[in-house]
Structure formats: C-alpha cells, structure tokens
Amino acid sequence: MTPSLGGTGTLTADGIVLDSHPMQRSVPIAMMFEAFNVGLDTGTPVDDQDYQVPFRFTGKINKLTIKLGPTQLTSNDRQVIQHALATRD
C-alpha cells in the first residue's frame, strides 16, 4: 500500500475529539480500534469460520478484574481531556 499525500490524524473517545494533527503522508484508510467489550464481540473475528459478529457470550461471568497500570498522560494530555469533556454537548 502506497502512502497518500497528507491528511489529518484525529483521536476520538466517546465521540469527543481529544487530539488532531496534520500528517505529511498517510495511509488511505480509516483505522478503527475495537471497543472494550465484556460478554459481547462486535468487532471483526480473527477467522470468519469461527463465529460471526455480533457474538454474545451465553455463559456466566463470575468475576471480571481490570488492572490499570500507572497513568502515562502528561499534564497537557489531562488538560486537553478535561477541556474536551467540559465543552461536549
């Protein structure tokens, strides 16, 4: 795949633009990252022969543990997020 001429990279979370930067060269596709889901897969399966999405887990989840590592946000990152949250509809 040949990079195209320029574009703008935009990072969004929950429909809020957190950051945006012009790029001199870009890949001509939109890159979407799958959301964090528990008990439901709405993304793309590794192998279409395994299952089709949306795929619901029909068993019982007894426990879910999420361990978050240390924050890697800079103080400027925090300010950008706080501003985006404060000004959203």
PDB file of N, CA and C in Angstrom:
ATOM      1  N   MET A   1       0.848  -1.174   0.000  1.00  0.00           N
ATOM      2  CA  MET A   1       0.000   0.000   0.000  1.00  0.00           C
ATOM      3  C   MET A   1       0.891   1.233   0.000  1.00  0.00           C
ATOM      4  N   THR A   2       0.647   2.122  -0.917  1.00  0.00           N
ATOM      5  CA  THR A   2       1.438   3.339  -1.042  1.00  0.00           C
ATOM      6  C   THR A   2       0.826   4.464  -0.233  1.00  0.00           C
ATOM      7  N   PRO A   3       1.640   5.141   0.586  1.00  0.00           N
ATOM      8  CA  PRO A   3       1.094   6.263   1.357  1.00  0.00           C
ATOM      9  C   PRO A   3       0.555   7.353   0.437  1.00  0.00           C
ATOM     10  N   SER A   4      -0.519   7.988   0.829  1.00  0.00           N
ATOM     11  CA  SER A   4      -1.096   9.075   0.045  1.00  0.00           C
ATOM     12  C   SER A   4      -0.487  10.397   0.492  1.00  0.00           C
ATOM     13  N   LEU A   5      -0.853  11.428  -0.190  1.00  0.00           N
ATOM     14  CA  LEU A   5      -0.367  12.751   0.177  1.00  0.00           C
ATOM     15  C   LEU A   5      -1.194  13.310   1.307  1.00  0.00           C
ATOM     16  N   GLY A   6      -0.584  13.468   2.411  1.00  0.00           N
ATOM     17  CA  GLY A   6      -1.157  14.174   3.540  1.00  0.00           C
ATOM     18  C   GLY A   6      -2.528  13.764   4.022  1.00  0.00           C
ATOM     19  N   GLY A   7      -2.869  14.286   5.157  1.00  0.00           N
ATOM     20  CA  GLY A   7      -4.134  14.012   5.794  1.00  0.00           C
ATOM     21  C   GLY A   7      -4.095  14.565   7.205  1.00  0.00           C
ATOM     22  N   THR A   8      -5.119  14.288   7.959  1.00  0.00           N
ATOM     23  CA  THR A   8      -5.173  14.718   9.349  1.00  0.00           C
ATOM     24  C   THR A   8      -5.523  13.520  10.205  1.00  0.00           C
ATOM     25  N   GLY A   9      -4.720  13.258  11.228  1.00  0.00           N
ATOM     26  CA  GLY A   9      -4.995  12.184  12.179  1.00  0.00           C
ATOM     27  C   GLY A   9      -5.780  12.740  13.344  1.00  0.00           C
ATOM     28  N   THR A  10      -6.879  12.073  13.670  1.00  0.00           N
ATOM     29  CA  THR A  10      -7.731  12.546  14.755  1.00  0.00           C
ATOM     30  C   THR A  10      -7.999  11.417  15.729  1.00  0.00           C
ATOM     31  N   LEU A  11      -7.763  11.661  17.012  1.00  0.00           N
ATOM     32  CA  LEU A  11      -8.025  10.699  18.072  1.00  0.00           C
ATOM     33  C   LEU A  11      -9.316  11.111  18.765  1.00  0.00           C
ATOM     34  N   THR A  12     -10.298  10.177  18.774  1.00  0.00           N
ATOM     35  CA  THR A  12     -11.559  10.461  19.443  1.00  0.00           C
ATOM     36  C   THR A  12     -11.861   9.386  20.471  1.00  0.00           C
ATOM     37  N   ALA A  13     -12.589   9.752  21.494  1.00  0.00           N
ATOM     38  CA  ALA A  13     -13.065   8.815  22.508  1.00  0.00           C
ATOM     39  C   ALA A  13     -14.479   9.241  22.869  1.00  0.00           C
ATOM     40  N   ASP A  14     -15.420   8.322  22.774  1.00  0.00           N
ATOM     41  CA  ASP A  14     -16.827   8.611  23.055  1.00  0.00           C
ATOM     42  C   ASP A  14     -17.334   9.797  22.235  1.00  0.00           C
ATOM     43  N   GLY A  15     -16.883   9.868  20.989  1.00  0.00           N
ATOM     44  CA  GLY A  15     -17.334  10.936  20.101  1.00  0.00           C
ATOM     45  C   GLY A  15     -16.689  12.284  20.350  1.00  0.00           C
ATOM     46  N   ILE A  16     -15.745  12.355  21.268  1.00  0.00           N
ATOM     47  CA  ILE A  16     -15.077  13.615  21.598  1.00  0.00           C
ATOM     48  C   ILE A  16     -13.702  13.621  20.952  1.00  0.00           C
ATOM     49  N   VAL A  17     -13.379  14.659  20.210  1.00  0.00           N
ATOM     50  CA  VAL A  17     -12.055  14.782  19.609  1.00  0.00           C
ATOM     51  C   VAL A  17     -11.073  15.167  20.714  1.00  0.00           C
ATOM     52  N   LEU A  18     -10.118  14.268  20.977  1.00  0.00           N
ATOM     53  CA  LEU A  18      -9.126  14.529  22.018  1.00  0.00           C
ATOM     54  C   LEU A  18      -7.892  15.217  21.460  1.00  0.00           C
ATOM     55  N   ASP A  19      -7.548  14.892  20.213  1.00  0.00           N
ATOM     56  CA  ASP A  19      -6.370  15.497  19.613  1.00  0.00           C
ATOM     57  C   ASP A  19      -6.448  15.324  18.100  1.00  0.00           C
ATOM     58  N   SER A  20      -5.795  16.197  17.375  1.00  0.00           N
ATOM     59  CA  SER A  20      -5.789  16.143  15.929  1.00  0.00           C
ATOM     60  C   SER A  20      -4.491  16.750  15.430  1.00  0.00           C
ATOM     61  N   HIS A  21      -3.848  16.078  14.471  1.00  0.00           N
ATOM     62  CA  HIS A  21      -2.580  16.575  13.938  1.00  0.00           C
ATOM     63  C   HIS A  21      -2.510  16.341  12.439  1.00  0.00           C
ATOM     64  N   PRO A  22      -1.991  17.323  11.683  1.00  0.00           N
ATOM     65  CA  PRO A  22      -1.776  17.095  10.258  1.00  0.00           C
ATOM     66  C   PRO A  22      -0.618  16.119  10.061  1.00  0.00           C
ATOM     67  N   MET A  23      -0.707  15.312   9.011  1.00  0.00           N
ATOM     68  CA  MET A  23       0.356  14.360   8.682  1.00  0.00           C
ATOM     69  C   MET A  23       0.780  14.609   7.237  1.00  0.00           C
ATOM     70  N   GLN A  24       2.088  14.600   6.983  1.00  0.00           N
ATOM     71  CA  GLN A  24       2.574  14.840   5.631  1.00  0.00           C
ATOM     72  C   GLN A  24       2.198  13.691   4.704  1.00  0.00           C
ATOM     73  N   ARG A  25       2.230  12.473   5.236  1.00  0.00           N
ATOM     74  CA  ARG A  25       1.866  11.291   4.462  1.00  0.00           C
ATOM     75  C   ARG A  25       0.921  10.448   5.299  1.00  0.00           C
ATOM     76  N   SER A  26      -0.025   9.822   4.659  1.00  0.00           N
ATOM     77  CA  SER A  26      -0.959   8.984   5.406  1.00  0.00           C
ATOM     78  C   SER A  26      -1.340   7.751   4.596  1.00  0.00           C
ATOM     79  N   VAL A  27      -1.850   6.756   5.280  1.00  0.00           N
ATOM     80  CA  VAL A  27      -2.351   5.559   4.636  1.00  0.00           C
ATOM     81  C   VAL A  27      -3.816   5.820   4.306  1.00  0.00           C
ATOM     82  N   PRO A  28      -4.257   5.565   3.082  1.00  0.00           N
ATOM     83  CA  PRO A  28      -5.617   5.940   2.670  1.00  0.00           C
ATOM     84  C   PRO A  28      -6.707   5.005   3.186  1.00  0.00           C
ATOM     85  N   ILE A  29      -6.780   4.833   4.500  1.00  0.00           N
ATOM     86  CA  ILE A  29      -7.847   4.047   5.120  1.00  0.00           C
ATOM     87  C   ILE A  29      -8.170   4.667   6.469  1.00  0.00           C
ATOM     88  N   ALA A  30      -9.338   4.388   6.965  1.00  0.00           N
ATOM     89  CA  ALA A  30      -9.686   4.811   8.315  1.00  0.00           C
ATOM     90  C   ALA A  30      -9.340   3.660   9.246  1.00  0.00           C
ATOM     91  N   MET A  31      -8.634   3.930  10.317  1.00  0.00           N
ATOM     92  CA  MET A  31      -8.264   2.892  11.270  1.00  0.00           C
ATOM     93  C   MET A  31      -9.175   3.009  12.477  1.00  0.00           C
ATOM     94  N   MET A  32      -9.894   1.947  12.760  1.00  0.00           N
ATOM     95  CA  MET A  32     -10.779   1.921  13.905  1.00  0.00           C
ATOM     96  C   MET A  32     -10.262   0.899  14.901  1.00  0.00           C
ATOM     97  N   PHE A  33     -10.271   1.246  16.146  1.00  0.00           N
ATOM     98  CA  PHE A  33      -9.857   0.325  17.186  1.00  0.00           C
ATOM     99  C   PHE A  33     -11.101  -0.188  17.887  1.00  0.00           C
ATOM    100  N   GLU A  34     -11.091  -1.458  18.162  1.00  0.00           N
ATOM    101  CA  GLU A  34     -12.251  -2.091  18.759  1.00  0.00           C
ATOM    102  C   GLU A  34     -12.440  -1.623  20.197  1.00  0.00           C
ATOM    103  N   ALA A  35     -13.681  -1.429  20.555  1.00  0.00           N
ATOM    104  CA  ALA A  35     -14.018  -1.018  21.916  1.00  0.00           C
ATOM    105  C   ALA A  35     -13.794  -2.169  22.885  1.00  0.00           C
ATOM    106  N   PHE A  36     -13.708  -1.844  24.152  1.00  0.00           N
ATOM    107  CA  PHE A  36     -13.560  -2.855  25.196  1.00  0.00           C
ATOM    108  C   PHE A  36     -14.940  -3.388  25.541  1.00  0.00           C
ATOM    109  N   ASN A  37     -15.172  -4.650  25.233  1.00  0.00           N
ATOM    110  CA  ASN A  37     -16.473  -5.280  25.477  1.00  0.00           C
ATOM    111  C   ASN A  37     -16.289  -6.480  26.390  1.00  0.00           C
ATOM    112  N   VAL A  38     -17.265  -6.736  27.233  1.00  0.00           N
ATOM    113  CA  VAL A  38     -17.274  -7.921  28.082  1.00  0.00           C
ATOM    114  C   VAL A  38     -18.553  -8.680  27.772  1.00  0.00           C
ATOM    115  N   GLY A  39     -18.408  -9.930  27.318  1.00  0.00           N
ATOM    116  CA  GLY A  39     -19.570 -10.763  27.035  1.00  0.00           C
ATOM    117  C   GLY A  39     -20.194 -10.536  25.676  1.00  0.00           C
ATOM    118  N   LEU A  40     -19.580  -9.701  24.852  1.00  0.00           N
ATOM    119  CA  LEU A  40     -20.114  -9.419  23.530  1.00  0.00           C
ATOM    120  C   LEU A  40     -18.966  -9.030  22.617  1.00  0.00           C
ATOM    121  N   ASP A  41     -18.903  -9.656  21.453  1.00  0.00           N
ATOM    122  CA  ASP A  41     -17.900  -9.275  20.464  1.00  0.00           C
ATOM    123  C   ASP A  41     -18.604  -8.615  19.305  1.00  0.00           C
ATOM    124  N   THR A  42     -18.330  -7.348  19.076  1.00  0.00           N
ATOM    125  CA  THR A  42     -18.955  -6.622  17.976  1.00  0.00           C
ATOM    126  C   THR A  42     -17.942  -6.278  16.899  1.00  0.00           C
ATOM    127  N   GLY A  43     -16.704  -6.668  17.119  1.00  0.00           N
ATOM    128  CA  GLY A  43     -15.648  -6.353  16.162  1.00  0.00           C
ATOM    129  C   GLY A  43     -15.521  -7.403  15.081  1.00  0.00           C
ATOM    130  N   THR A  44     -14.326  -7.543  14.567  1.00  0.00           N
ATOM    131  CA  THR A  44     -14.054  -8.485  13.499  1.00  0.00           C
ATOM    132  C   THR A  44     -13.437  -9.747  14.076  1.00  0.00           C
ATOM    133  N   PRO A  45     -14.009 -10.931  13.771  1.00  0.00           N
ATOM    134  CA  PRO A  45     -13.409 -12.157  14.283  1.00  0.00           C
ATOM    135  C   PRO A  45     -12.067 -12.418  13.615  1.00  0.00           C
ATOM    136  N   VAL A  46     -11.197 -13.139  14.295  1.00  0.00           N
ATOM    137  CA  VAL A  46      -9.903 -13.497  13.717  1.00  0.00           C
ATOM    138  C   VAL A  46     -10.121 -14.354  12.477  1.00  0.00           C
ATOM    139  N   ASP A  47     -11.071 -15.258  12.559  1.00  0.00           N
ATOM    140  CA  ASP A  47     -11.391 -16.162  11.452  1.00  0.00           C
ATOM    141  C   ASP A  47     -12.905 -16.193  11.284  1.00  0.00           C
ATOM    142  N   ASP A  48     -13.399 -15.775  10.135  1.00  0.00           N
ATOM    143  CA  ASP A  48     -14.848 -15.729   9.891  1.00  0.00           C
ATOM    144  C   ASP A  48     -15.519 -17.091  10.035  1.00  0.00           C
ATOM    145  N   GLN A  49     -14.749 -18.176   9.962  1.00  0.00           N
ATOM    146  CA  GLN A  49     -15.325 -19.505  10.107  1.00  0.00           C
ATOM    147  C   GLN A  49     -15.570 -19.857  11.570  1.00  0.00           C
ATOM    148  N   ASP A  50     -14.918 -19.157  12.499  1.00  0.00           N
ATOM    149  CA  ASP A  50     -15.104 -19.425  13.927  1.00  0.00           C
ATOM    150  C   ASP A  50     -16.469 -18.969  14.415  1.00  0.00           C
ATOM    151  N   TYR A  51     -16.844 -17.742  14.102  1.00  0.00           N
ATOM    152  CA  TYR A  51     -18.135 -17.181  14.502  1.00  0.00           C
ATOM    153  C   TYR A  51     -18.372 -15.893  13.735  1.00  0.00           C
ATOM    154  N   GLN A  52     -19.597 -15.438  13.750  1.00  0.00           N
ATOM    155  CA  GLN A  52     -19.973 -14.189  13.105  1.00  0.00           C
ATOM    156  C   GLN A  52     -20.380 -13.182  14.176  1.00  0.00           C
ATOM    157  N   VAL A  53     -20.056 -11.935  13.949  1.00  0.00           N
ATOM    158  CA  VAL A  53     -20.415 -10.878  14.894  1.00  0.00           C
ATOM    159  C   VAL A  53     -21.775 -10.308  14.530  1.00  0.00           C
ATOM    160  N   PRO A  54     -22.536  -9.746  15.462  1.00  0.00           N
ATOM    161  CA  PRO A  54     -22.222  -9.706  16.883  1.00  0.00           C
ATOM    162  C   PRO A  54     -22.354 -11.089  17.513  1.00  0.00           C
ATOM    163  N   PHE A  55     -21.412 -11.414  18.374  1.00  0.00           N
ATOM    164  CA  PHE A  55     -21.364 -12.713  19.021  1.00  0.00           C
ATOM    165  C   PHE A  55     -21.510 -12.504  20.520  1.00  0.00           C
ATOM    166  N   ARG A  56     -22.585 -13.013  21.097  1.00  0.00           N
ATOM    167  CA  ARG A  56     -22.832 -12.865  22.536  1.00  0.00           C
ATOM    168  C   ARG A  56     -22.366 -14.099  23.279  1.00  0.00           C
ATOM    169  N   PHE A  57     -21.671 -13.884  24.382  1.00  0.00           N
ATOM    170  CA  PHE A  57     -21.280 -14.973  25.280  1.00  0.00           C
ATOM    171  C   PHE A  57     -22.515 -15.366  26.071  1.00  0.00           C
ATOM    172  N   THR A  58     -22.889 -16.641  26.039  1.00  0.00           N
ATOM    173  CA  THR A  58     -24.127 -17.062  26.688  1.00  0.00           C
ATOM    174  C   THR A  58     -23.884 -17.741  28.030  1.00  0.00           C
ATOM    175  N   GLY A  59     -22.623 -17.813  28.454  1.00  0.00           N
ATOM    176  CA  GLY A  59     -22.316 -18.410  29.751  1.00  0.00           C
ATOM    177  C   GLY A  59     -22.457 -17.387  30.862  1.00  0.00           C
ATOM    178  N   LYS A  60     -21.869 -17.687  32.001  1.00  0.00           N
ATOM    179  CA  LYS A  60     -21.924 -16.793  33.158  1.00  0.00           C
ATOM    180  C   LYS A  60     -20.518 -16.287  33.465  1.00  0.00           C
ATOM    181  N   ILE A  61     -20.395 -14.990  33.615  1.00  0.00           N
ATOM    182  CA  ILE A  61     -19.119 -14.387  34.002  1.00  0.00           C
ATOM    183  C   ILE A  61     -19.184 -14.173  35.506  1.00  0.00           C
ATOM    184  N   ASN A  62     -18.375 -14.904  36.254  1.00  0.00           N
ATOM    185  CA  ASN A  62     -18.400 -14.811  37.714  1.00  0.00           C
ATOM    186  C   ASN A  62     -17.587 -13.645  38.251  1.00  0.00           C
ATOM    187  N   LYS A  63     -16.562 -13.272  37.518  1.00  0.00           N
ATOM    188  CA  LYS A  63     -15.695 -12.215  38.034  1.00  0.00           C
ATOM    189  C   LYS A  63     -14.954 -11.566  36.876  1.00  0.00           C
ATOM    190  N   LEU A  64     -14.771 -10.274  36.975  1.00  0.00           N
ATOM    191  CA  LEU A  64     -14.003  -9.526  35.999  1.00  0.00           C
ATOM    192  C   LEU A  64     -13.052  -8.621  36.766  1.00  0.00           C
ATOM    193  N   THR A  65     -11.775  -8.770  36.505  1.00  0.00           N
ATOM    194  CA  THR A  65     -10.765  -7.945  37.163  1.00  0.00           C
ATOM    195  C   THR A  65     -10.018  -7.152  36.104  1.00  0.00           C
ATOM    196  N   ILE A  66      -9.959  -5.860  36.292  1.00  0.00           N
ATOM    197  CA  ILE A  66      -9.230  -4.991  35.376  1.00  0.00           C
ATOM    198  C   ILE A  66      -8.156  -4.283  36.177  1.00  0.00           C
ATOM    199  N   LYS A  67      -6.916  -4.476  35.795  1.00  0.00           N
ATOM    200  CA  LYS A  67      -5.814  -3.798  36.472  1.00  0.00           C
ATOM    201  C   LYS A  67      -5.272  -2.720  35.547  1.00  0.00           C
ATOM    202  N   LEU A  68      -5.351  -1.501  35.987  1.00  0.00           N
ATOM    203  CA  LEU A  68      -4.828  -0.385  35.216  1.00  0.00           C
ATOM    204  C   LEU A  68      -3.421  -0.069  35.687  1.00  0.00           C
ATOM    205  N   GLY A  69      -2.548   0.127  34.746  1.00  0.00           N
ATOM    206  CA  GLY A  69      -1.179   0.479  35.086  1.00  0.00           C
ATOM    207  C   GLY A  69      -1.081   1.949  35.433  1.00  0.00           C
ATOM    208  N   PRO A  70       0.111   2.407  35.706  1.00  0.00           N
ATOM    209  CA  PRO A  70       0.286   3.824  36.031  1.00  0.00           C
ATOM    210  C   PRO A  70      -0.100   4.688  34.829  1.00  0.00           C
ATOM    211  N   THR A  71      -0.669   5.835  35.105  1.00  0.00           N
ATOM    212  CA  THR A  71      -1.078   6.728  34.027  1.00  0.00           C
ATOM    213  C   THR A  71       0.141   7.218  33.257  1.00  0.00           C
ATOM    214  N   GLN A  72      -0.026   7.329  31.962  1.00  0.00           N
ATOM    215  CA  GLN A  72       1.063   7.828  31.130  1.00  0.00           C
ATOM    216  C   GLN A  72       0.677   9.143  30.471  1.00  0.00           C
ATOM    217  N   LEU A  73      -0.395   9.732  30.983  1.00  0.00           N
ATOM    218  CA  LEU A  73      -0.822  11.009  30.442  1.00  0.00           C
ATOM    219  C   LEU A  73       0.044  12.132  31.005  1.00  0.00           C
ATOM    220  N   THR A  74       0.403  13.055  30.141  1.00  0.00           N
ATOM    221  CA  THR A  74       1.114  14.244  30.600  1.00  0.00           C
ATOM    222  C   THR A  74       0.088  15.216  31.165  1.00  0.00           C
ATOM    223  N   SER A  75       0.552  16.237  31.839  1.00  0.00           N
ATOM    224  CA  SER A  75      -0.387  17.231  32.374  1.00  0.00           C
ATOM    225  C   SER A  75      -1.117  17.920  31.219  1.00  0.00           C
ATOM    226  N   ASN A  76      -0.453  18.109  30.090  1.00  0.00           N
ATOM    227  CA  ASN A  76      -1.114  18.695  28.917  1.00  0.00           C
ATOM    228  C   ASN A  76      -2.202  17.762  28.395  1.00  0.00           C
ATOM    229  N   ASP A  77      -1.938  16.443  28.363  1.00  0.00           N
ATOM    230  CA  ASP A  77      -2.955  15.467  27.950  1.00  0.00           C
ATOM    231  C   ASP A  77      -4.192  15.586  28.839  1.00  0.00           C
ATOM    232  N   ARG A  78      -3.979  15.678  30.144  1.00  0.00           N
ATOM    233  CA  ARG A  78      -5.097  15.785  31.085  1.00  0.00           C
ATOM    234  C   ARG A  78      -5.916  17.051  30.828  1.00  0.00           C
ATOM    235  N   GLN A  79      -5.222  18.156  30.541  1.00  0.00           N
ATOM    236  CA  GLN A  79      -5.906  19.416  30.267  1.00  0.00           C
ATOM    237  C   GLN A  79      -6.756  19.315  29.000  1.00  0.00           C
ATOM    238  N   VAL A  80      -6.218  18.669  27.968  1.00  0.00           N
ATOM    239  CA  VAL A  80      -6.951  18.503  26.709  1.00  0.00           C
ATOM    240  C   VAL A  80      -8.214  17.681  26.952  1.00  0.00           C
ATOM    241  N   ILE A  81      -8.101  16.596  27.717  1.00  0.00           N
ATOM    242  CA  ILE A  81      -9.245  15.742  28.014  1.00  0.00           C
ATOM    243  C   ILE A  81     -10.282  16.498  28.843  1.00  0.00           C
ATOM    244  N   GLN A  82      -9.811  17.199  29.870  1.00  0.00           N
ATOM    245  CA  GLN A  82     -10.739  17.957  30.717  1.00  0.00           C
ATOM    246  C   GLN A  82     -11.473  19.022  29.902  1.00  0.00           C
ATOM    247  N   HIS A  83     -10.762  19.683  29.004  1.00  0.00           N
ATOM    248  CA  HIS A  83     -11.387  20.716  28.160  1.00  0.00           C
ATOM    249  C   HIS A  83     -12.424  20.059  27.244  1.00  0.00           C
ATOM    250  N   ALA A  84     -12.074  18.936  26.627  1.00  0.00           N
ATOM    251  CA  ALA A  84     -12.998  18.244  25.716  1.00  0.00           C
ATOM    252  C   ALA A  84     -14.251  17.801  26.462  1.00  0.00           C
ATOM    253  N   LEU A  85     -14.084  17.273  27.669  1.00  0.00           N
ATOM    254  CA  LEU A  85     -15.230  16.841  28.453  1.00  0.00           C
ATOM    255  C   LEU A  85     -16.104  18.016  28.889  1.00  0.00           C
ATOM    256  N   ALA A  86     -15.474  19.130  29.211  1.00  0.00           N
ATOM    257  CA  ALA A  86     -16.211  20.297  29.699  1.00  0.00           C
ATOM    258  C   ALA A  86     -16.993  20.976  28.570  1.00  0.00           C
ATOM    259  N   THR A  87     -16.533  20.834  27.329  1.00  0.00           N
ATOM    260  CA  THR A  87     -17.174  21.533  26.221  1.00  0.00           C
ATOM    261  C   THR A  87     -18.026  20.643  25.343  1.00  0.00           C
ATOM    262  N   ARG A  88     -18.209  19.379  25.730  1.00  0.00           N
ATOM    263  CA  ARG A  88     -19.024  18.490  24.883  1.00  0.00           C
ATOM    264  C   ARG A  88     -20.501  18.789  25.079  1.00  0.00           C
ATOM    265  N   ASP A  89     -21.282  18.353  24.106  1.00  0.00           N
ATOM    266  CA  ASP A  89     -22.735  18.626  24.151  1.00  0.00           C
ATOM    267  C   ASP A  89     -23.371  17.905  25.282  1.00  0.00           C
TER     268      ASP A  89
END
